[in-house]
Every structure is written in C-alpha cells, then in structure tokens.
Amino acid sequence: MAKRYGRLVGGVSIKKIIDDTRLIFKCCSLYYDDKMSQQEICDQLNISRPSVSRMIKLGEELGIVKIEVTNPYNLTFGKLERELEKKFNLKEVIVVESSPIETGTERISSSLGEETLNFLSRTLDDGDIVGVSMGMTLQNVIRAKRNIEEPIRCTFVPIVGGIGESRLDIHSNYIAGEFAKLFGGDCVQFFSPAIFSNVTVLEGFLNEKSVRSIFNLYRNVGTVIMGIGIPERGRSTLLTTGYIDGEVLDSFAAAGAVGDISLQFFDQSGSTENFREFNDRVAGMPIELLKKVQKRIGIAGGSQKAQAVLGAINGGFLNILITDLDCANALIEM
C-alpha cells in the first residue's frame, strides 16, 4: 500500500506520495511525453511541486524513464570520440568518415576541412589571436566547402616563417591570409624563412624590431591550428618544399622521429631532444610557448599518421584532435 503523508500548504491538505508506482509513471509520462511543466503536473495531480520533482527522479531510479543521449550524425563516431578523449586526456576529439583519396603527401578529405571550420566557428570569438602553421593539411582546410555565416573578427598569425621557394600556397603567410578571408578577420604576415641554415644568423634575425613584434604577439595566441607531418619520403611536405633533404629525413626516422608539428620533429614519447640541431633553426613560436596555448588543434587523417599523432599528444603539442576514422581506430589499438 502506498505510503502517504499529509501536510498543509496554503491551508489546503495535500497528500505526498513517495512510492505509488502508478502515480510515478503518470507523472513521468506527463513530464516527458506530454511536455508538461512540473507546475502543470502539480496542478493536475493535486500534489506538491517537491513531490513532482521527486517522482520524476524516482522514475529514472526505478527504470521507468531511460534517458539516452544520441549523436544525431553518427552514434559510432560519438562513442569513439569519447573513448579517445578519455584514453588520451584530450579536451575534444572530432572524428569524420575516412577518405580514400590521397595526393602526394596528404589524404584529401573535405570532411576534415569542414569539421575544422565548424569547430573554429563555434569556438572563436571576436578579438581572438589564432596561430596557424603551414602545409597541405591546412591548405585542405581553407579549401573546404563551408561558408562562415557571420564574420569573426579574429587575427590569424603564422607560427612559423612564411617564405619559401616553392609551393607558396602551403606556406604560413598564405594560409593565414586565407583564414582571415574566410572568417572576415585580419592577418599578420611573418616575412621570414621557415628554417635558417645557421642558428647564429637566426638569433640575429630575431632581434629585429619587426620580428620581435611577431614574437610578442605569440604570447597572446589562444588557439593554434596545425597539421601533423611524418618523416617518410613521398609523404613529407618538408621534403616536397625543399626544407629538408631525403638523407636528413631518413636520419631523423632512424633516430626515432615519428612526426613533426610546426616543423618541430619529435619521437613517440613527444621528445624533441634528438632533433634539437634542426629544430633550433626553425623561425617560429618556441615549442615550450606552443605547449602553453589554451587550444592546440592538431589535424591528421589516415592510419599512417597515428604514430605521429600519438607522439604529438605525448609531447603536449595538441589537446584537441580532428581526425578521420582510419587514424582514430589505429589510435584506439595503440
């Protein structure tokens, strides 16, 4: 028999029911199926507002109500994203369908580009300073079929030198300018080679007033957008652009390099130590400062990038990952 407790509210005796299953079901049905408010249920059933709230909670505890959160696009990817976030302690992971199309060093995926722009559209605000690296991955992003509905007045700044002798369309200055056009924002140009032949020459260059202003801006970068490279002949953008020759690339791979991010090579543990001689000649945001940026977005597609992604995560170079199903599955298996 149901337990009933009476009390007076506003001079009216109201019965409080705490274990009437039938009434719990009716209360939950009115709330979830008929979309009635708790006050409307209170008035209709002649029970107190606290009783309505309690019975709705009891409906969940007794299994009368089962709440399920579903991904409206792809339930499987949603679960995979959460699994990767938990496994690697990432702020956010976005997984898209894999693309079978590859050209040169990169897998071409319009989905990766579109989801990157979607993410930026919902996370960037007017006044933000956004760092961008270089490469085919970011070129694919700026070519994605995605219109930015409202301008976001942020400033895009290259985090690595943007002058090169070939493939100007994948250098950081070009990338920054195209992002600024997409979002209706501004950009800063970094007129510097990406890699210097001599550390001493680089140090002198960094003392120039115009260059110091770029590096001062780096301290205010809140988001960085980066592709993730791998040290393989035929797949390295650095090799394609002439920033590094094949023998040096092979030696890096032999020394344990699994990838590079913003031209900084690292091994599977995320250490850059074995590649310091090369990394120290890169003109751009210092790697330790990069690791302090609040939103560090790494973009990579294909299972062949999984080792590089893992190394970048271990090194703290990224905390947000936008990837495809092939790479995501390979990471889960590691």
Protein backbone atom coordinates (compact mmCIF):
# COMPACT_ATOMS: atom_id res chain seq x y z
CA MET A 1 0.00 0.00 0.00
CA ALA A 2 1.33 3.42 -0.88
CA LYS A 3 2.73 5.49 1.94
CA ARG A 4 1.02 8.83 2.12
CA TYR A 5 1.99 11.77 4.24
CA GLY A 6 -0.29 14.77 4.65
CA ARG A 7 0.69 18.36 5.17
CA LEU A 8 -0.97 21.77 4.86
CA VAL A 9 0.15 24.14 2.15
CA GLY A 10 -1.72 27.43 1.95
CA GLY A 11 -4.44 25.99 4.19
CA VAL A 12 -5.08 23.05 1.82
CA SER A 13 -4.28 19.48 2.82
CA ILE A 14 -2.04 17.90 0.12
CA LYS A 15 -1.14 14.21 0.12
CA LYS A 16 2.51 13.44 -0.61
CA ILE A 17 3.04 10.10 -2.33
CA ILE A 18 6.54 8.64 -2.34
CA ASP A 19 6.12 5.07 -3.56
CA ASP A 20 2.99 4.91 -5.72
CA THR A 21 4.46 3.38 -8.91
CA ARG A 22 1.35 4.12 -10.93
CA LEU A 23 1.46 7.77 -9.99
CA ILE A 24 5.22 7.94 -10.62
CA PHE A 25 4.62 6.56 -14.13
CA LYS A 26 1.81 9.06 -14.76
CA CYS A 27 3.91 11.95 -13.50
CA CYS A 28 6.86 10.97 -15.73
CA SER A 29 4.59 10.43 -18.73
CA LEU A 30 3.07 13.88 -18.35
CA TYR A 31 6.53 15.41 -17.99
CA TYR A 32 8.43 13.60 -20.78
CA ASP A 33 5.70 12.56 -23.23
CA ASP A 34 3.23 15.43 -22.88
CA LYS A 35 5.92 18.06 -22.18
CA MET A 36 4.01 19.48 -19.23
CA SER A 37 5.86 21.64 -16.74
CA GLN A 38 6.29 20.49 -13.16
CA GLN A 39 3.87 23.19 -12.03
CA GLU A 40 1.22 22.00 -14.52
CA ILE A 41 1.64 18.42 -13.27
CA CYS A 42 1.37 19.69 -9.71
CA ASP A 43 -1.93 21.40 -10.52
CA GLN A 44 -3.36 18.47 -12.47
CA LEU A 45 -2.48 15.73 -9.97
CA ASN A 46 -3.04 17.87 -6.91
CA ILE A 47 0.35 17.08 -5.42
CA SER A 48 3.12 19.37 -4.27
CA ARG A 49 5.89 20.66 -6.51
CA PRO A 50 8.61 18.87 -4.47
CA SER A 51 6.64 15.62 -4.86
CA VAL A 52 6.55 16.05 -8.65
CA SER A 53 10.29 16.66 -8.75
CA ARG A 54 10.95 13.66 -6.53
CA MET A 55 8.76 11.34 -8.60
CA ILE A 56 10.48 12.37 -11.83
CA LYS A 57 13.80 11.47 -10.21
CA LEU A 58 12.35 8.18 -8.91
CA GLY A 59 11.18 7.39 -12.45
CA GLU A 60 14.85 7.33 -13.53
CA GLU A 61 15.97 5.36 -10.48
CA LEU A 62 13.27 2.70 -10.96
CA GLY A 63 13.91 2.34 -14.69
CA ILE A 64 10.53 3.77 -15.70
CA VAL A 65 12.39 6.54 -17.51
CA LYS A 66 15.52 5.80 -19.52
CA ILE A 67 17.42 8.81 -20.81
CA GLU A 68 19.72 8.21 -23.77
CA VAL A 69 21.97 10.80 -25.37
CA THR A 70 22.40 10.13 -29.07
CA ASN A 71 24.65 11.72 -31.67
CA PRO A 72 22.34 12.99 -34.45
CA TYR A 73 25.01 12.36 -37.09
CA ASN A 74 26.82 9.16 -36.22
CA LEU A 75 26.46 7.32 -32.93
CA THR A 76 29.52 5.16 -33.55
CA PHE A 77 31.78 8.16 -34.09
CA GLY A 78 30.38 9.85 -30.99
CA LYS A 79 31.36 6.90 -28.81
CA LEU A 80 34.76 6.69 -30.48
CA GLU A 81 35.37 10.38 -29.86
CA ARG A 82 34.61 10.00 -26.14
CA GLU A 83 36.83 6.93 -25.93
CA LEU A 84 39.75 8.80 -27.48
CA GLU A 85 39.17 11.84 -25.25
CA LYS A 86 39.32 9.67 -22.15
CA LYS A 87 42.21 7.47 -23.30
CA PHE A 88 44.49 10.38 -24.21
CA ASN A 89 43.08 13.03 -21.84
CA LEU A 90 42.17 15.37 -24.70
CA LYS A 91 39.80 18.32 -24.44
CA GLU A 92 37.94 17.35 -27.58
CA VAL A 93 38.17 14.83 -30.41
CA ILE A 94 36.26 15.08 -33.68
CA VAL A 95 36.17 12.00 -35.95
CA VAL A 96 34.97 12.12 -39.56
CA GLU A 97 34.50 9.49 -42.24
CA SER A 98 37.74 8.41 -43.89
CA SER A 99 38.50 9.50 -47.42
CA PRO A 100 40.20 7.11 -49.87
CA ILE A 101 41.67 9.96 -51.90
CA GLU A 102 45.36 10.73 -51.45
CA THR A 103 47.53 13.15 -53.35
CA GLY A 104 51.23 13.48 -52.76
CA THR A 105 51.89 13.85 -49.06
CA GLU A 106 48.35 14.12 -47.74
CA ARG A 107 44.99 12.42 -47.68
CA ILE A 108 42.46 14.82 -49.13
CA SER A 109 39.32 14.96 -47.00
CA SER A 110 36.67 17.62 -47.39
CA SER A 111 35.09 16.31 -44.17
CA LEU A 112 38.25 17.05 -42.15
CA GLY A 113 38.31 20.58 -43.53
CA GLU A 114 34.61 21.19 -42.98
CA GLU A 115 34.66 19.92 -39.40
CA THR A 116 37.73 22.02 -38.65
CA LEU A 117 35.93 25.13 -39.86
CA ASN A 118 32.80 24.11 -37.91
CA PHE A 119 34.88 23.77 -34.76
CA LEU A 120 36.57 27.13 -35.28
CA SER A 121 33.22 28.81 -35.99
CA ARG A 122 31.81 27.75 -32.64
CA THR A 123 34.95 28.31 -30.54
CA LEU A 124 36.50 31.52 -31.89
CA ASP A 125 35.39 34.96 -30.77
CA ASP A 126 35.99 38.50 -31.97
CA GLY A 127 39.42 39.66 -30.86
CA ASP A 128 40.98 36.19 -30.63
CA ILE A 129 44.52 35.70 -31.92
CA VAL A 130 44.89 32.43 -33.80
CA GLY A 131 48.21 30.84 -34.75
CA VAL A 132 48.48 28.81 -37.96
CA SER A 133 51.23 26.55 -39.21
CA MET A 134 51.85 25.51 -42.81
CA GLY A 135 51.32 22.51 -45.08
CA MET A 136 48.86 20.60 -47.22
CA THR A 137 46.55 19.78 -44.31
CA LEU A 138 45.76 23.45 -43.63
CA GLN A 139 45.51 24.10 -47.35
CA ASN A 140 42.79 21.44 -47.45
CA VAL A 141 41.02 23.18 -44.58
CA ILE A 142 40.86 26.58 -46.26
CA ARG A 143 39.54 24.92 -49.44
CA ALA A 144 36.71 23.13 -47.63
CA LYS A 145 33.17 23.77 -48.83
CA ARG A 146 31.98 25.64 -45.78
CA ASN A 147 30.66 29.20 -45.65
CA ILE A 148 31.20 31.15 -42.45
CA GLU A 149 27.77 32.68 -41.84
CA GLU A 150 28.87 35.57 -39.64
CA PRO A 151 32.30 37.23 -39.58
CA ILE A 152 34.52 36.53 -36.58
CA ARG A 153 36.92 39.43 -36.17
CA CYS A 154 39.93 37.47 -35.04
CA THR A 155 43.56 37.82 -36.13
CA PHE A 156 45.46 34.96 -37.76
CA VAL A 157 49.22 34.88 -37.28
CA PRO A 158 51.79 32.46 -38.74
CA ILE A 159 53.58 30.49 -36.02
CA VAL A 160 56.40 29.60 -38.40
CA GLY A 161 58.20 31.62 -41.07
CA GLY A 162 56.20 32.05 -44.25
CA ILE A 163 58.74 32.50 -47.04
CA GLY A 164 59.79 29.65 -49.35
CA GLU A 165 60.95 28.97 -52.88
CA SER A 166 58.18 26.55 -53.87
CA ARG A 167 54.51 25.78 -53.19
CA LEU A 168 53.71 29.24 -51.87
CA ASP A 169 50.10 28.10 -51.42
CA ILE A 170 51.07 25.94 -48.44
CA HIS A 171 53.27 28.45 -46.62
CA SER A 172 52.06 30.03 -43.40
CA ASN A 173 51.61 33.58 -44.69
CA TYR A 174 49.30 32.39 -47.44
CA ILE A 175 47.42 30.12 -45.00
CA ALA A 176 46.95 32.97 -42.50
CA GLY A 177 45.65 35.27 -45.23
CA GLU A 178 43.14 32.73 -46.49
CA PHE A 179 41.84 32.03 -42.98
CA ALA A 180 41.38 35.79 -42.49
CA LYS A 181 39.34 35.97 -45.69
CA LEU A 182 37.16 33.04 -44.64
CA PHE A 183 36.34 34.46 -41.23
CA GLY A 184 36.26 38.15 -42.13
CA GLY A 185 39.15 38.80 -39.78
CA ASP A 186 42.69 40.12 -40.06
CA CYS A 187 46.08 38.51 -40.50
CA VAL A 188 49.69 39.27 -39.68
CA GLN A 189 52.47 38.31 -42.06
CA PHE A 190 55.75 36.79 -40.88
CA PHE A 191 58.30 37.57 -43.60
CA SER A 192 60.94 35.05 -42.67
CA PRO A 193 62.31 31.77 -43.96
CA ALA A 194 60.87 28.88 -42.00
CA ILE A 195 64.30 27.34 -41.44
CA PHE A 196 67.68 29.06 -41.19
CA SER A 197 70.94 27.40 -42.14
CA ASN A 198 72.67 28.77 -39.05
CA VAL A 199 71.43 29.32 -35.50
CA THR A 200 73.58 32.43 -35.10
CA VAL A 201 72.01 34.04 -38.15
CA LEU A 202 68.55 33.16 -36.82
CA GLU A 203 69.31 34.70 -33.42
CA GLY A 204 70.40 37.94 -35.07
CA PHE A 205 67.28 37.98 -37.24
CA LEU A 206 65.05 37.52 -34.19
CA ASN A 207 66.47 40.68 -32.65
CA GLU A 208 64.99 42.80 -35.42
CA LYS A 209 62.19 45.09 -34.21
CA SER A 210 59.63 43.90 -36.76
CA VAL A 211 60.31 40.28 -35.85
CA ARG A 212 60.11 40.94 -32.11
CA SER A 213 56.59 42.31 -32.60
CA ILE A 214 55.52 38.95 -34.07
CA PHE A 215 57.02 37.07 -31.14
CA ASN A 216 55.33 39.44 -28.68
CA LEU A 217 52.04 38.59 -30.38
CA TYR A 218 52.69 34.88 -29.80
CA ARG A 219 52.15 35.39 -26.06
CA ASN A 220 48.50 36.29 -26.75
CA VAL A 221 47.69 33.38 -29.07
CA GLY A 222 44.72 31.45 -27.67
CA THR A 223 44.28 28.90 -30.46
CA VAL A 224 46.74 27.21 -32.80
CA ILE A 225 45.81 25.18 -35.88
CA MET A 226 48.40 22.67 -37.07
CA GLY A 227 48.82 19.77 -39.44
CA ILE A 228 50.92 16.80 -38.34
CA GLY A 229 53.69 15.61 -40.65
CA ILE A 230 55.52 12.28 -40.86
CA PRO A 231 59.19 11.63 -41.77
CA GLU A 232 58.62 9.44 -44.82
CA ARG A 233 59.81 10.02 -48.35
CA GLY A 234 56.82 10.64 -50.56
CA ARG A 235 54.72 11.77 -47.58
CA SER A 236 56.73 14.66 -46.12
CA THR A 237 55.68 18.20 -47.01
CA LEU A 238 59.07 19.41 -45.75
CA LEU A 239 60.76 17.25 -48.37
CA THR A 240 58.39 18.48 -51.08
CA THR A 241 59.08 22.15 -50.28
CA GLY A 242 62.85 21.63 -50.04
CA TYR A 243 63.10 22.48 -46.34
CA ILE A 244 64.86 19.18 -45.74
CA ASP A 245 66.57 16.65 -47.99
CA GLY A 246 65.87 12.93 -48.17
CA GLU A 247 69.04 11.81 -46.38
CA VAL A 248 68.41 14.07 -43.40
CA LEU A 249 64.80 12.90 -43.27
CA ASP A 250 65.96 9.28 -43.29
CA SER A 251 68.40 10.00 -40.48
CA PHE A 252 65.62 11.55 -38.39
CA ALA A 253 63.46 8.47 -38.91
CA ALA A 254 66.41 6.27 -37.89
CA ALA A 255 66.84 8.39 -34.74
CA GLY A 256 63.23 7.70 -33.76
CA ALA A 257 61.33 10.61 -35.28
CA VAL A 258 57.66 9.82 -35.80
CA GLY A 259 56.42 13.24 -36.87
CA ASP A 260 56.72 17.00 -36.92
CA ILE A 261 54.37 19.71 -35.89
CA SER A 262 55.07 23.30 -36.93
CA LEU A 263 58.43 21.98 -38.29
CA GLN A 264 59.43 20.62 -34.88
CA PHE A 265 60.41 16.94 -35.07
CA PHE A 266 59.62 14.63 -32.16
CA ASP A 267 59.74 10.94 -31.25
CA GLN A 268 56.95 8.68 -29.99
CA SER A 269 57.30 9.95 -26.44
CA GLY A 270 56.97 13.53 -27.68
CA SER A 271 60.63 14.37 -27.03
CA THR A 272 62.37 16.78 -29.43
CA GLU A 273 65.82 16.28 -27.93
CA ASN A 274 67.31 14.10 -30.71
CA PHE A 275 66.35 16.70 -33.31
CA ARG A 276 67.40 19.86 -31.49
CA GLU A 277 70.06 20.85 -34.06
CA PHE A 278 67.35 21.09 -36.74
CA ASN A 279 64.51 22.36 -34.52
CA ASP A 280 66.63 25.19 -33.12
CA ARG A 281 66.99 26.60 -36.65
CA VAL A 282 63.23 26.93 -37.14
CA ALA A 283 61.94 30.52 -37.06
CA GLY A 284 58.63 30.45 -35.26
CA MET A 285 56.76 30.13 -32.00
CA PRO A 286 59.02 28.40 -29.42
CA ILE A 287 57.83 24.88 -28.73
CA GLU A 288 57.52 25.49 -24.98
CA LEU A 289 55.29 28.50 -25.62
CA LEU A 290 53.24 26.47 -28.10
CA LYS A 291 52.52 23.90 -25.37
CA LYS A 292 51.00 26.64 -23.19
CA VAL A 293 48.41 27.77 -25.76
CA GLN A 294 44.90 27.05 -24.46
CA LYS A 295 43.50 25.37 -27.60
CA ARG A 296 46.06 23.39 -29.59
CA ILE A 297 44.30 21.83 -32.59
CA GLY A 298 46.03 19.01 -34.45
CA ILE A 299 44.55 17.80 -37.75
CA ALA A 300 45.54 14.48 -39.32
CA GLY A 301 43.96 11.79 -41.48
CA GLY A 302 44.93 8.23 -42.33
CA SER A 303 46.25 5.35 -40.24
CA GLN A 304 49.80 6.20 -41.33
CA LYS A 305 49.56 9.36 -39.20
CA ALA A 306 48.62 7.54 -35.98
CA GLN A 307 52.17 7.23 -34.61
CA ALA A 308 52.79 10.92 -35.28
CA VAL A 309 49.52 11.89 -33.60
CA LEU A 310 50.39 9.78 -30.55
CA GLY A 311 53.82 11.42 -30.30
CA ALA A 312 52.25 14.88 -30.59
CA ILE A 313 49.81 14.03 -27.80
CA ASN A 314 52.57 12.65 -25.60
CA GLY A 315 54.61 15.79 -26.17
CA GLY A 316 51.72 18.04 -25.17
CA PHE A 317 51.72 19.72 -28.59
CA LEU A 318 47.98 19.26 -29.05
CA ASN A 319 44.95 18.88 -26.80
CA ILE A 320 42.25 18.91 -29.50
CA LEU A 321 42.30 16.37 -32.31
CA ILE A 322 40.38 16.44 -35.58
CA THR A 323 40.94 13.18 -37.42
CA ASP A 324 39.34 10.51 -39.60
CA LEU A 325 38.07 7.04 -38.79
CA ASP A 326 41.18 5.20 -40.01
CA CYS A 327 43.52 7.23 -37.80
CA ALA A 328 41.10 7.09 -34.86
CA ASN A 329 40.85 3.30 -34.99
CA ALA A 330 44.63 3.00 -35.21
CA LEU A 331 44.99 5.20 -32.11
CA ILE A 332 42.49 3.08 -30.17
CA GLU A 333 44.55 -0.02 -30.90
CA MET A 334 47.78 1.54 -29.60
